[in-house]
Amino acid sequence: MLRPAQRRGLGEEAAEAIREEIFAGRFPPGSTLREIELAASLEVSRGSVREGLAVLEREGLVHSVWHKGTRVIELTESDIEEVYAVRAALDRLATTTAARQANAAHLDELDRLIAEMAAEIKGGGDGPRLLSLDIEFHEVIYRAAGNRRLLDAWHALRSQVLMFQSHRIRLGHQHYRARVVDEHRELAELVRAGDSPRLARVAEEHVHSARRALITGLRGR
């Protein structure tokens, strides 16, 4: 059951609520999103739902077709290859730039997030919280790079990355938990060391490892 929207800007509230359901897998890839049903669940007008769906379409999470309604994007191997190829290129540039531009505060924030990941695993925490820390880690990397257009490009892709990574975790939670701390710790250490040639390779492999895990999980399912 969707939680009622708060009066903070109903279109944005609708987008946030629907986005959360997509990330949680309750609106799976390819599923139809019906304005009437969403409006009733969220206790808002169909116009507000339409505004929210427009936000999600700009983020790449849904696709609307005239007279056919709105659907959550599919999760095909072709889609996965495209999204992770773009992310690998962006992450390579972001991490190597951050290695030159990051200040002490950025580096401390990366260490804090890694410590929280480790604590989450030690405490038996769930995948969504780990993924939230994971995405926040990369957000710090992008901000540390100091390139506004690069940050905008990441933000344009971020919701799709979150959706795909959420599915990856549901398909193979233990694989993700086993790798998440070590992979991010290595990235942070290389950013701190300014080791750009090796860092570029590690940043790309970090993304491609996630891509392979998701595709393997889909094939296994």
N, C-alpha and C. Protein backbone atom coordinates (compact mmCIF):
# COMPACT_ATOMS: atom_id res chain seq x y z
N MET A 1 0.85 -1.19 0.00
CA MET A 1 0.00 0.00 0.00
C MET A 1 0.88 1.24 0.00
N LEU A 2 0.68 2.12 -0.97
CA LEU A 2 1.47 3.34 -1.04
C LEU A 2 1.08 4.28 0.09
N ARG A 3 2.08 4.95 0.70
CA ARG A 3 1.78 5.91 1.75
C ARG A 3 1.20 7.17 1.14
N PRO A 4 0.23 7.82 1.80
CA PRO A 4 -0.35 9.05 1.26
C PRO A 4 0.72 10.12 1.08
N ALA A 5 0.57 10.91 0.02
CA ALA A 5 1.52 11.99 -0.24
C ALA A 5 1.31 13.13 0.75
N GLN A 6 2.38 13.78 1.15
CA GLN A 6 2.32 14.95 2.00
C GLN A 6 2.24 16.20 1.12
N ARG A 7 1.78 17.29 1.69
CA ARG A 7 1.55 18.51 0.90
C ARG A 7 2.81 19.33 0.74
N ARG A 8 3.83 18.75 0.10
CA ARG A 8 5.10 19.44 -0.08
C ARG A 8 5.32 19.78 -1.54
N GLY A 9 4.34 19.61 -2.36
CA GLY A 9 4.49 19.66 -3.81
C GLY A 9 4.06 18.29 -4.28
N LEU A 10 2.77 18.18 -4.62
CA LEU A 10 2.18 16.84 -4.78
C LEU A 10 2.78 16.05 -5.93
N GLY A 11 3.17 16.74 -7.00
CA GLY A 11 3.82 16.03 -8.08
C GLY A 11 5.13 15.40 -7.64
N GLU A 12 5.94 16.16 -6.90
CA GLU A 12 7.21 15.64 -6.40
C GLU A 12 7.00 14.52 -5.39
N GLU A 13 5.97 14.69 -4.53
CA GLU A 13 5.67 13.66 -3.55
C GLU A 13 5.22 12.37 -4.23
N ALA A 14 4.41 12.51 -5.28
CA ALA A 14 3.97 11.33 -6.02
C ALA A 14 5.16 10.64 -6.67
N ALA A 15 6.05 11.44 -7.27
CA ALA A 15 7.25 10.86 -7.89
C ALA A 15 8.08 10.10 -6.87
N GLU A 16 8.26 10.69 -5.69
CA GLU A 16 9.08 10.05 -4.66
C GLU A 16 8.47 8.73 -4.21
N ALA A 17 7.15 8.72 -4.00
CA ALA A 17 6.49 7.49 -3.54
C ALA A 17 6.55 6.39 -4.59
N ILE A 18 6.31 6.74 -5.85
CA ILE A 18 6.35 5.74 -6.92
C ILE A 18 7.78 5.25 -7.13
N ARG A 19 8.73 6.18 -7.05
CA ARG A 19 10.15 5.81 -7.19
C ARG A 19 10.55 4.78 -6.14
N GLU A 20 10.13 5.00 -4.91
CA GLU A 20 10.46 4.07 -3.83
C GLU A 20 9.90 2.68 -4.11
N GLU A 21 8.68 2.62 -4.66
CA GLU A 21 8.07 1.33 -4.98
C GLU A 21 8.82 0.63 -6.12
N ILE A 22 9.30 1.41 -7.08
CA ILE A 22 10.09 0.83 -8.17
C ILE A 22 11.39 0.26 -7.63
N PHE A 23 12.09 1.02 -6.79
CA PHE A 23 13.35 0.55 -6.24
C PHE A 23 13.15 -0.69 -5.38
N ALA A 24 12.01 -0.76 -4.68
CA ALA A 24 11.73 -1.90 -3.81
C ALA A 24 11.27 -3.13 -4.60
N GLY A 25 11.00 -2.95 -5.89
CA GLY A 25 10.57 -4.07 -6.71
C GLY A 25 9.08 -4.34 -6.67
N ARG A 26 8.34 -3.47 -6.00
CA ARG A 26 6.89 -3.67 -5.93
C ARG A 26 6.20 -3.22 -7.21
N PHE A 27 6.86 -2.35 -7.97
CA PHE A 27 6.47 -2.07 -9.35
C PHE A 27 7.61 -2.61 -10.21
N PRO A 28 7.54 -3.86 -10.62
CA PRO A 28 8.67 -4.49 -11.33
C PRO A 28 8.85 -3.95 -12.74
N PRO A 29 10.01 -4.22 -13.34
CA PRO A 29 10.26 -3.78 -14.71
C PRO A 29 9.16 -4.23 -15.66
N GLY A 30 8.74 -3.31 -16.51
CA GLY A 30 7.72 -3.62 -17.49
C GLY A 30 6.29 -3.49 -17.00
N SER A 31 6.10 -3.25 -15.70
CA SER A 31 4.75 -3.18 -15.16
C SER A 31 4.08 -1.86 -15.55
N THR A 32 2.75 -1.92 -15.69
CA THR A 32 1.96 -0.74 -16.06
C THR A 32 1.64 0.09 -14.82
N LEU A 33 1.78 1.39 -14.94
CA LEU A 33 1.44 2.31 -13.87
C LEU A 33 0.17 3.06 -14.26
N ARG A 34 -0.91 2.79 -13.56
CA ARG A 34 -2.22 3.36 -13.91
C ARG A 34 -2.50 4.58 -13.06
N GLU A 35 -2.75 5.70 -13.73
CA GLU A 35 -2.94 6.97 -13.02
C GLU A 35 -4.07 6.91 -12.01
N ILE A 36 -5.18 6.32 -12.38
CA ILE A 36 -6.34 6.29 -11.49
C ILE A 36 -6.01 5.55 -10.20
N GLU A 37 -5.36 4.39 -10.32
CA GLU A 37 -5.02 3.59 -9.14
C GLU A 37 -3.98 4.30 -8.27
N LEU A 38 -3.00 4.90 -8.92
CA LEU A 38 -1.96 5.62 -8.17
C LEU A 38 -2.55 6.82 -7.45
N ALA A 39 -3.42 7.55 -8.11
CA ALA A 39 -4.04 8.72 -7.50
C ALA A 39 -4.85 8.32 -6.26
N ALA A 40 -5.57 7.21 -6.35
CA ALA A 40 -6.37 6.75 -5.22
C ALA A 40 -5.47 6.33 -4.06
N SER A 41 -4.39 5.62 -4.35
CA SER A 41 -3.49 5.15 -3.29
C SER A 41 -2.77 6.31 -2.61
N LEU A 42 -2.38 7.29 -3.42
CA LEU A 42 -1.62 8.43 -2.89
C LEU A 42 -2.51 9.55 -2.35
N GLU A 43 -3.81 9.43 -2.65
CA GLU A 43 -4.76 10.45 -2.21
C GLU A 43 -4.43 11.83 -2.80
N VAL A 44 -4.13 11.82 -4.09
CA VAL A 44 -3.87 13.05 -4.83
C VAL A 44 -4.65 12.99 -6.15
N SER A 45 -4.61 14.08 -6.88
CA SER A 45 -5.31 14.12 -8.16
C SER A 45 -4.51 13.36 -9.23
N ARG A 46 -5.21 13.02 -10.32
CA ARG A 46 -4.51 12.38 -11.43
C ARG A 46 -3.48 13.33 -12.04
N GLY A 47 -3.76 14.65 -11.97
CA GLY A 47 -2.80 15.63 -12.48
C GLY A 47 -1.49 15.56 -11.71
N SER A 48 -1.57 15.40 -10.39
CA SER A 48 -0.35 15.30 -9.58
C SER A 48 0.41 14.03 -9.90
N VAL A 49 -0.33 12.93 -10.10
CA VAL A 49 0.32 11.68 -10.49
C VAL A 49 1.00 11.84 -11.84
N ARG A 50 0.31 12.51 -12.76
CA ARG A 50 0.89 12.73 -14.10
C ARG A 50 2.18 13.55 -14.00
N GLU A 51 2.18 14.55 -13.14
CA GLU A 51 3.41 15.34 -12.92
C GLU A 51 4.52 14.46 -12.36
N GLY A 52 4.17 13.60 -11.41
CA GLY A 52 5.17 12.71 -10.82
C GLY A 52 5.73 11.74 -11.84
N LEU A 53 4.88 11.20 -12.68
CA LEU A 53 5.35 10.27 -13.70
C LEU A 53 6.25 10.96 -14.72
N ALA A 54 5.96 12.25 -14.98
CA ALA A 54 6.83 13.01 -15.89
C ALA A 54 8.22 13.16 -15.30
N VAL A 55 8.30 13.37 -13.98
CA VAL A 55 9.60 13.44 -13.30
C VAL A 55 10.35 12.12 -13.48
N LEU A 56 9.65 11.01 -13.25
CA LEU A 56 10.29 9.70 -13.35
C LEU A 56 10.68 9.37 -14.78
N GLU A 57 9.93 9.88 -15.74
CA GLU A 57 10.32 9.65 -17.14
C GLU A 57 11.61 10.40 -17.47
N ARG A 58 11.76 11.60 -16.92
CA ARG A 58 13.00 12.35 -17.13
C ARG A 58 14.18 11.63 -16.49
N GLU A 59 13.93 10.90 -15.41
CA GLU A 59 14.99 10.15 -14.74
C GLU A 59 15.27 8.82 -15.44
N GLY A 60 14.45 8.45 -16.41
CA GLY A 60 14.66 7.21 -17.14
C GLY A 60 14.08 5.99 -16.48
N LEU A 61 13.22 6.16 -15.48
CA LEU A 61 12.66 5.01 -14.76
C LEU A 61 11.38 4.48 -15.40
N VAL A 62 10.64 5.35 -16.09
CA VAL A 62 9.40 4.93 -16.73
C VAL A 62 9.38 5.43 -18.15
N HIS A 63 8.48 4.85 -18.93
CA HIS A 63 8.35 5.25 -20.34
C HIS A 63 6.87 5.37 -20.67
N SER A 64 6.48 6.50 -21.20
CA SER A 64 5.08 6.74 -21.56
C SER A 64 4.90 6.69 -23.07
N VAL A 65 3.82 6.05 -23.50
CA VAL A 65 3.48 5.97 -24.92
C VAL A 65 2.06 6.47 -25.09
N TRP A 66 1.86 7.34 -26.06
CA TRP A 66 0.55 7.94 -26.29
C TRP A 66 -0.51 6.87 -26.49
N HIS A 67 -1.57 6.96 -25.71
CA HIS A 67 -2.71 6.05 -25.74
C HIS A 67 -2.39 4.65 -25.20
N LYS A 68 -1.18 4.44 -24.73
CA LYS A 68 -0.84 3.13 -24.19
C LYS A 68 -0.43 3.19 -22.72
N GLY A 69 -0.35 4.40 -22.17
CA GLY A 69 -0.05 4.54 -20.75
C GLY A 69 1.43 4.55 -20.43
N THR A 70 1.73 4.37 -19.17
CA THR A 70 3.10 4.46 -18.66
C THR A 70 3.53 3.13 -18.06
N ARG A 71 4.74 2.74 -18.37
CA ARG A 71 5.30 1.49 -17.84
C ARG A 71 6.66 1.74 -17.22
N VAL A 72 7.00 0.93 -16.23
CA VAL A 72 8.36 0.92 -15.69
C VAL A 72 9.27 0.38 -16.79
N ILE A 73 10.46 0.93 -16.91
CA ILE A 73 11.38 0.47 -17.95
C ILE A 73 11.70 -1.02 -17.78
N GLU A 74 12.03 -1.66 -18.86
CA GLU A 74 12.37 -3.08 -18.85
C GLU A 74 13.76 -3.29 -18.25
N LEU A 75 14.03 -4.51 -17.88
CA LEU A 75 15.34 -4.88 -17.36
C LEU A 75 15.90 -5.99 -18.24
N THR A 76 16.35 -5.61 -19.42
CA THR A 76 16.90 -6.58 -20.37
C THR A 76 18.42 -6.49 -20.35
N GLU A 77 19.07 -7.48 -20.90
CA GLU A 77 20.53 -7.46 -20.95
C GLU A 77 21.03 -6.27 -21.77
N SER A 78 20.29 -5.91 -22.81
CA SER A 78 20.67 -4.75 -23.62
C SER A 78 20.60 -3.47 -22.79
N ASP A 79 19.52 -3.32 -22.00
CA ASP A 79 19.39 -2.14 -21.13
C ASP A 79 20.54 -2.09 -20.12
N ILE A 80 20.84 -3.24 -19.54
CA ILE A 80 21.90 -3.31 -18.54
C ILE A 80 23.24 -2.92 -19.15
N GLU A 81 23.54 -3.45 -20.33
CA GLU A 81 24.81 -3.14 -20.99
C GLU A 81 24.92 -1.64 -21.25
N GLU A 82 23.83 -1.02 -21.69
CA GLU A 82 23.87 0.41 -21.99
C GLU A 82 24.11 1.24 -20.73
N VAL A 83 23.32 0.97 -19.69
CA VAL A 83 23.42 1.78 -18.47
C VAL A 83 24.79 1.63 -17.83
N TYR A 84 25.28 0.41 -17.72
CA TYR A 84 26.55 0.21 -17.04
C TYR A 84 27.74 0.67 -17.90
N ALA A 85 27.60 0.65 -19.21
CA ALA A 85 28.67 1.19 -20.07
C ALA A 85 28.81 2.70 -19.85
N VAL A 86 27.67 3.40 -19.78
CA VAL A 86 27.72 4.84 -19.53
C VAL A 86 28.26 5.10 -18.13
N ARG A 87 27.78 4.32 -17.16
CA ARG A 87 28.25 4.55 -15.80
C ARG A 87 29.76 4.29 -15.68
N ALA A 88 30.27 3.26 -16.34
CA ALA A 88 31.70 2.98 -16.27
C ALA A 88 32.52 4.15 -16.78
N ALA A 89 32.07 4.75 -17.89
CA ALA A 89 32.79 5.90 -18.45
C ALA A 89 32.74 7.09 -17.50
N LEU A 90 31.55 7.35 -16.92
CA LEU A 90 31.41 8.46 -15.99
C LEU A 90 32.23 8.24 -14.72
N ASP A 91 32.18 7.03 -14.17
CA ASP A 91 32.91 6.74 -12.94
C ASP A 91 34.42 6.83 -13.14
N ARG A 92 34.88 6.39 -14.30
CA ARG A 92 36.31 6.50 -14.58
C ARG A 92 36.75 7.96 -14.53
N LEU A 93 36.01 8.83 -15.19
CA LEU A 93 36.35 10.25 -15.22
C LEU A 93 36.20 10.86 -13.82
N ALA A 94 35.12 10.51 -13.12
CA ALA A 94 34.88 11.10 -11.80
C ALA A 94 35.96 10.73 -10.80
N THR A 95 36.34 9.46 -10.76
CA THR A 95 37.32 9.03 -9.76
C THR A 95 38.72 9.57 -10.06
N THR A 96 39.11 9.57 -11.33
CA THR A 96 40.44 10.07 -11.65
C THR A 96 40.52 11.59 -11.45
N THR A 97 39.41 12.29 -11.70
CA THR A 97 39.39 13.72 -11.44
C THR A 97 39.38 14.00 -9.94
N ALA A 98 38.60 13.20 -9.20
CA ALA A 98 38.55 13.36 -7.74
C ALA A 98 39.92 13.11 -7.11
N ALA A 99 40.71 12.22 -7.71
CA ALA A 99 42.05 11.96 -7.17
C ALA A 99 42.92 13.21 -7.21
N ARG A 100 42.63 14.11 -8.12
CA ARG A 100 43.38 15.37 -8.21
C ARG A 100 42.73 16.50 -7.41
N GLN A 101 41.41 16.44 -7.26
CA GLN A 101 40.67 17.58 -6.72
C GLN A 101 40.17 17.40 -5.28
N ALA A 102 40.07 16.17 -4.81
CA ALA A 102 39.44 15.92 -3.50
C ALA A 102 40.22 16.59 -2.38
N ASN A 103 39.48 17.14 -1.42
CA ASN A 103 40.12 17.72 -0.23
C ASN A 103 39.97 16.77 0.95
N ALA A 104 40.48 17.17 2.09
CA ALA A 104 40.47 16.32 3.28
C ALA A 104 39.06 15.96 3.71
N ALA A 105 38.13 16.91 3.57
CA ALA A 105 36.74 16.65 3.97
C ALA A 105 36.11 15.57 3.10
N HIS A 106 36.39 15.61 1.81
CA HIS A 106 35.87 14.57 0.91
C HIS A 106 36.42 13.20 1.31
N LEU A 107 37.72 13.14 1.55
CA LEU A 107 38.34 11.87 1.89
C LEU A 107 37.82 11.32 3.21
N ASP A 108 37.61 12.21 4.17
CA ASP A 108 37.05 11.79 5.46
C ASP A 108 35.63 11.25 5.29
N GLU A 109 34.88 11.87 4.40
CA GLU A 109 33.50 11.42 4.16
C GLU A 109 33.49 10.04 3.51
N LEU A 110 34.41 9.79 2.60
CA LEU A 110 34.51 8.45 2.00
C LEU A 110 34.83 7.40 3.07
N ASP A 111 35.77 7.73 3.96
CA ASP A 111 36.13 6.79 5.03
C ASP A 111 34.94 6.53 5.95
N ARG A 112 34.18 7.59 6.24
CA ARG A 112 33.02 7.42 7.12
C ARG A 112 32.00 6.48 6.49
N LEU A 113 31.75 6.64 5.20
CA LEU A 113 30.77 5.80 4.53
C LEU A 113 31.21 4.35 4.47
N ILE A 114 32.51 4.13 4.27
CA ILE A 114 33.02 2.75 4.26
C ILE A 114 32.86 2.13 5.65
N ALA A 115 33.15 2.90 6.68
CA ALA A 115 32.97 2.39 8.05
C ALA A 115 31.51 2.05 8.32
N GLU A 116 30.61 2.86 7.80
CA GLU A 116 29.18 2.57 7.99
C GLU A 116 28.77 1.32 7.23
N MET A 117 29.32 1.12 6.04
CA MET A 117 29.05 -0.11 5.29
C MET A 117 29.49 -1.33 6.09
N ALA A 118 30.72 -1.26 6.63
CA ALA A 118 31.25 -2.38 7.40
C ALA A 118 30.39 -2.65 8.63
N ALA A 119 29.97 -1.60 9.30
CA ALA A 119 29.12 -1.76 10.49
C ALA A 119 27.77 -2.35 10.12
N GLU A 120 27.25 -1.93 8.98
CA GLU A 120 25.96 -2.45 8.52
C GLU A 120 26.03 -3.95 8.27
N ILE A 121 27.12 -4.39 7.65
CA ILE A 121 27.29 -5.82 7.38
C ILE A 121 27.49 -6.59 8.68
N LYS A 122 28.31 -6.04 9.55
CA LYS A 122 28.56 -6.70 10.84
C LYS A 122 27.27 -6.85 11.64
N GLY A 123 26.40 -5.86 11.53
CA GLY A 123 25.15 -5.90 12.27
C GLY A 123 24.04 -6.66 11.56
N GLY A 124 24.38 -7.26 10.43
CA GLY A 124 23.38 -8.03 9.70
C GLY A 124 22.37 -7.18 8.97
N GLY A 125 22.75 -5.94 8.62
CA GLY A 125 21.84 -5.01 7.97
C GLY A 125 21.40 -5.48 6.60
N ASP A 126 20.38 -4.81 6.07
CA ASP A 126 19.80 -5.25 4.80
C ASP A 126 20.47 -4.59 3.60
N GLY A 127 20.14 -5.12 2.42
CA GLY A 127 20.72 -4.63 1.19
C GLY A 127 20.38 -3.20 0.86
N PRO A 128 19.13 -2.76 1.02
CA PRO A 128 18.79 -1.37 0.68
C PRO A 128 19.62 -0.33 1.42
N ARG A 129 19.92 -0.56 2.69
CA ARG A 129 20.74 0.40 3.44
C ARG A 129 22.17 0.40 2.90
N LEU A 130 22.70 -0.76 2.60
CA LEU A 130 24.04 -0.83 2.01
C LEU A 130 24.08 -0.11 0.67
N LEU A 131 23.05 -0.30 -0.13
CA LEU A 131 23.00 0.35 -1.43
C LEU A 131 22.92 1.86 -1.27
N SER A 132 22.18 2.32 -0.29
CA SER A 132 22.09 3.76 -0.03
C SER A 132 23.47 4.34 0.29
N LEU A 133 24.24 3.63 1.11
CA LEU A 133 25.59 4.07 1.44
C LEU A 133 26.50 4.01 0.21
N ASP A 134 26.33 2.98 -0.59
CA ASP A 134 27.08 2.80 -1.83
C ASP A 134 26.87 4.00 -2.76
N ILE A 135 25.62 4.35 -3.00
CA ILE A 135 25.30 5.47 -3.89
C ILE A 135 25.81 6.78 -3.30
N GLU A 136 25.71 6.93 -1.98
CA GLU A 136 26.20 8.14 -1.33
C GLU A 136 27.72 8.26 -1.49
N PHE A 137 28.42 7.14 -1.41
CA PHE A 137 29.87 7.12 -1.62
C PHE A 137 30.21 7.69 -2.99
N HIS A 138 29.51 7.22 -4.02
CA HIS A 138 29.80 7.70 -5.37
C HIS A 138 29.37 9.14 -5.55
N GLU A 139 28.32 9.55 -4.86
CA GLU A 139 27.92 10.97 -4.90
C GLU A 139 29.06 11.85 -4.39
N VAL A 140 29.72 11.43 -3.32
CA VAL A 140 30.86 12.19 -2.79
C VAL A 140 31.99 12.24 -3.81
N ILE A 141 32.25 11.12 -4.47
CA ILE A 141 33.29 11.09 -5.51
C ILE A 141 32.99 12.13 -6.59
N TYR A 142 31.77 12.13 -7.06
CA TYR A 142 31.39 13.06 -8.13
C TYR A 142 31.48 14.51 -7.67
N ARG A 143 31.07 14.77 -6.45
CA ARG A 143 31.16 16.14 -5.94
C ARG A 143 32.62 16.55 -5.74
N ALA A 144 33.44 15.60 -5.32
CA ALA A 144 34.86 15.89 -5.11
C ALA A 144 35.55 16.22 -6.43
N ALA A 145 35.05 15.68 -7.53
CA ALA A 145 35.66 15.95 -8.84
C ALA A 145 35.53 17.42 -9.23
N GLY A 146 34.49 18.08 -8.71
CA GLY A 146 34.35 19.53 -8.95
C GLY A 146 33.96 19.90 -10.37
N ASN A 147 33.31 18.98 -11.08
CA ASN A 147 32.89 19.24 -12.46
C ASN A 147 31.36 19.20 -12.49
N ARG A 148 30.73 20.36 -12.62
CA ARG A 148 29.27 20.43 -12.52
C ARG A 148 28.57 19.62 -13.60
N ARG A 149 29.08 19.65 -14.81
CA ARG A 149 28.44 18.91 -15.89
C ARG A 149 28.59 17.40 -15.71
N LEU A 150 29.71 16.99 -15.16
CA LEU A 150 29.89 15.58 -14.85
C LEU A 150 28.92 15.15 -13.76
N LEU A 151 28.73 15.99 -12.76
CA LEU A 151 27.78 15.71 -11.69
C LEU A 151 26.36 15.63 -12.25
N ASP A 152 26.01 16.54 -13.16
CA ASP A 152 24.69 16.51 -13.78
C ASP A 152 24.48 15.21 -14.57
N ALA A 153 25.52 14.76 -15.26
CA ALA A 153 25.42 13.52 -16.04
C ALA A 153 25.18 12.33 -15.11
N TRP A 154 25.86 12.32 -13.97
CA TRP A 154 25.65 11.26 -12.98
C TRP A 154 24.23 11.30 -12.45
N HIS A 155 23.73 12.49 -12.14
CA HIS A 155 22.37 12.61 -11.61
C HIS A 155 21.33 12.15 -12.64
N ALA A 156 21.60 12.36 -13.91
CA ALA A 156 20.68 11.92 -14.96
C ALA A 156 20.60 10.40 -15.03
N LEU A 157 21.65 9.72 -14.60
CA LEU A 157 21.71 8.25 -14.68
C LEU A 157 21.43 7.58 -13.34
N ARG A 158 21.52 8.33 -12.26
CA ARG A 158 21.53 7.75 -10.91
C ARG A 158 20.30 6.91 -10.59
N SER A 159 19.12 7.36 -10.96
CA SER A 159 17.91 6.60 -10.64
C SER A 159 17.90 5.24 -11.33
N GLN A 160 18.37 5.20 -12.59
CA GLN A 160 18.44 3.92 -13.29
C GLN A 160 19.46 3.00 -12.63
N VAL A 161 20.59 3.57 -12.21
CA VAL A 161 21.60 2.77 -11.52
C VAL A 161 21.02 2.19 -10.23
N LEU A 162 20.30 3.01 -9.48
CA LEU A 162 19.68 2.54 -8.25
C LEU A 162 18.69 1.41 -8.51
N MET A 163 17.89 1.56 -9.53
CA MET A 163 16.92 0.52 -9.87
C MET A 163 17.62 -0.78 -10.24
N PHE A 164 18.63 -0.68 -11.10
CA PHE A 164 19.32 -1.89 -11.54
C PHE A 164 20.08 -2.55 -10.39
N GLN A 165 20.74 -1.71 -9.57
CA GLN A 165 21.47 -2.27 -8.43
C GLN A 165 20.53 -2.89 -7.39
N SER A 166 19.35 -2.32 -7.23
CA SER A 166 18.37 -2.90 -6.33
C SER A 166 18.00 -4.31 -6.78
N HIS A 167 17.82 -4.49 -8.08
CA HIS A 167 17.52 -5.82 -8.62
C HIS A 167 18.72 -6.74 -8.46
N ARG A 168 19.90 -6.21 -8.66
CA ARG A 168 21.10 -7.03 -8.47
C ARG A 168 21.15 -7.60 -7.06
N ILE A 169 20.86 -6.77 -6.07
CA ILE A 169 20.92 -7.20 -4.68
C ILE A 169 19.84 -8.24 -4.39
N ARG A 170 18.64 -8.04 -4.93
CA ARG A 170 17.58 -9.02 -4.69
C ARG A 170 17.91 -10.36 -5.31
N LEU A 171 18.65 -10.34 -6.42
CA LEU A 171 19.00 -11.58 -7.09
C LEU A 171 20.24 -12.25 -6.49
N GLY A 172 21.08 -11.48 -5.78
CA GLY A 172 22.29 -12.06 -5.21
C GLY A 172 22.83 -11.23 -4.07
N HIS A 173 22.10 -11.18 -2.98
CA HIS A 173 22.45 -10.31 -1.85
C HIS A 173 23.82 -10.65 -1.27
N GLN A 174 24.11 -11.94 -1.13
CA GLN A 174 25.37 -12.33 -0.48
C GLN A 174 26.58 -11.92 -1.32
N HIS A 175 26.46 -12.02 -2.63
CA HIS A 175 27.56 -11.60 -3.50
C HIS A 175 27.85 -10.12 -3.29
N TYR A 176 26.82 -9.32 -3.19
CA TYR A 176 26.99 -7.88 -2.99
C TYR A 176 27.61 -7.60 -1.63
N ARG A 177 27.10 -8.22 -0.59
CA ARG A 177 27.61 -8.00 0.76
C ARG A 177 29.08 -8.39 0.87
N ALA A 178 29.48 -9.44 0.15
CA ALA A 178 30.85 -9.93 0.24
C ALA A 178 31.87 -8.99 -0.39
N ARG A 179 31.41 -8.11 -1.30
CA ARG A 179 32.34 -7.30 -2.07
C ARG A 179 32.28 -5.81 -1.79
N VAL A 180 31.16 -5.35 -1.26
CA VAL A 180 30.90 -3.91 -1.24
C VAL A 180 31.93 -3.12 -0.43
N VAL A 181 32.35 -3.62 0.72
CA VAL A 181 33.28 -2.87 1.56
C VAL A 181 34.67 -2.83 0.94
N ASP A 182 35.18 -3.99 0.54
CA ASP A 182 36.54 -4.05 -0.01
C ASP A 182 36.68 -3.23 -1.29
N GLU A 183 35.67 -3.30 -2.16
CA GLU A 183 35.75 -2.56 -3.42
C GLU A 183 35.76 -1.05 -3.19
N HIS A 184 34.92 -0.60 -2.27
CA HIS A 184 34.88 0.85 -2.01
C HIS A 184 36.09 1.32 -1.22
N ARG A 185 36.61 0.47 -0.35
CA ARG A 185 37.83 0.84 0.37
C ARG A 185 39.00 0.99 -0.60
N GLU A 186 39.11 0.09 -1.57
CA GLU A 186 40.18 0.20 -2.56
C GLU A 186 40.04 1.48 -3.37
N LEU A 187 38.82 1.82 -3.77
CA LEU A 187 38.61 3.06 -4.51
C LEU A 187 39.03 4.27 -3.69
N ALA A 188 38.63 4.29 -2.42
CA ALA A 188 38.97 5.43 -1.56
C ALA A 188 40.48 5.55 -1.38
N GLU A 189 41.16 4.42 -1.20
CA GLU A 189 42.61 4.45 -1.01
C GLU A 189 43.31 4.96 -2.26
N LEU A 190 42.83 4.57 -3.43
CA LEU A 190 43.45 5.01 -4.67
C LEU A 190 43.17 6.49 -4.94
N VAL A 191 41.98 6.96 -4.59
CA VAL A 191 41.69 8.39 -4.72
C VAL A 191 42.62 9.19 -3.81
N ARG A 192 42.80 8.71 -2.59
CA ARG A 192 43.68 9.40 -1.64
C ARG A 192 45.14 9.40 -2.14
N ALA A 193 45.54 8.30 -2.77
CA ALA A 193 46.92 8.19 -3.26
C ALA A 193 47.14 8.94 -4.57
N GLY A 194 46.04 9.29 -5.25
CA GLY A 194 46.17 9.97 -6.53
C GLY A 194 46.70 9.05 -7.62
N ASP A 195 46.46 7.75 -7.49
CA ASP A 195 46.99 6.76 -8.43
C ASP A 195 46.04 6.65 -9.63
N SER A 196 46.09 7.59 -10.55
CA SER A 196 45.10 7.66 -11.62
C SER A 196 45.11 6.48 -12.60
N PRO A 197 46.27 6.02 -13.11
CA PRO A 197 46.22 4.91 -14.07
C PRO A 197 45.57 3.66 -13.49
N ARG A 198 45.97 3.27 -12.30
CA ARG A 198 45.36 2.09 -11.68
C ARG A 198 43.93 2.39 -11.26
N LEU A 199 43.70 3.59 -10.77
CA LEU A 199 42.37 3.98 -10.32
C LEU A 199 41.37 3.89 -11.46
N ALA A 200 41.74 4.31 -12.64
CA ALA A 200 40.84 4.24 -13.79
C ALA A 200 40.40 2.81 -14.04
N ARG A 201 41.36 1.86 -13.98
CA ARG A 201 41.02 0.45 -14.21
C ARG A 201 40.13 -0.09 -13.11
N VAL A 202 40.43 0.24 -11.87
CA VAL A 202 39.66 -0.26 -10.74
C VAL A 202 38.24 0.31 -10.76
N ALA A 203 38.11 1.59 -11.10
CA ALA A 203 36.79 2.21 -11.16
C ALA A 203 35.92 1.55 -12.22
N GLU A 204 36.49 1.27 -13.37
CA GLU A 204 35.72 0.61 -14.42
C GLU A 204 35.37 -0.82 -14.04
N GLU A 205 36.31 -1.54 -13.45
CA GLU A 205 36.04 -2.93 -13.06
C GLU A 205 34.98 -2.99 -11.97
N HIS A 206 34.95 -2.01 -11.10
CA HIS A 206 33.92 -1.95 -10.06
C HIS A 206 32.53 -1.93 -10.69
N VAL A 207 32.37 -1.17 -11.76
CA VAL A 207 31.09 -1.09 -12.45
C VAL A 207 30.81 -2.36 -13.22
N HIS A 208 31.81 -2.88 -13.94
CA HIS A 208 31.59 -4.07 -14.75
C HIS A 208 31.33 -5.31 -13.90
N SER A 209 31.90 -5.34 -12.71
CA SER A 209 31.61 -6.44 -11.78
C SER A 209 30.14 -6.44 -11.40
N ALA A 210 29.58 -5.26 -11.15
CA ALA A 210 28.15 -5.15 -10.84
C ALA A 210 27.30 -5.56 -12.03
N ARG A 211 27.72 -5.14 -13.22
CA ARG A 211 26.99 -5.52 -14.44
C ARG A 211 26.95 -7.03 -14.62
N ARG A 212 28.10 -7.67 -14.46
CA ARG A 212 28.16 -9.12 -14.63
C ARG A 212 27.30 -9.84 -13.60
N ALA A 213 27.33 -9.35 -12.37
CA ALA A 213 26.54 -9.98 -11.30
C ALA A 213 25.06 -9.88 -11.59
N LEU A 214 24.61 -8.73 -12.08
CA LEU A 214 23.19 -8.56 -12.40
C LEU A 214 22.79 -9.47 -13.55
N ILE A 215 23.58 -9.51 -14.61
CA ILE A 215 23.23 -10.35 -15.75
C ILE A 215 23.22 -11.82 -15.35
N THR A 216 24.21 -12.23 -14.55
CA THR A 216 24.25 -13.63 -14.08
C THR A 216 23.01 -13.94 -13.26
N GLY A 217 22.61 -13.03 -12.40
CA GLY A 217 21.43 -13.23 -11.60
C GLY A 217 20.18 -13.36 -12.42
N LEU A 218 20.04 -12.52 -13.45
CA LEU A 218 18.87 -12.60 -14.34
C LEU A 218 18.84 -13.93 -15.08
N ARG A 219 19.99 -14.35 -15.57
CA ARG A 219 20.03 -15.62 -16.31
C ARG A 219 19.70 -16.81 -15.38
N GLY A 220 20.19 -16.72 -14.15
CA GLY A 220 19.91 -17.77 -13.18
C GLY A 220 18.45 -17.83 -12.80
N ARG A 221 17.80 -16.66 -12.76
CA ARG A 221 16.38 -16.62 -12.42
C ARG A 221 15.53 -17.26 -13.50
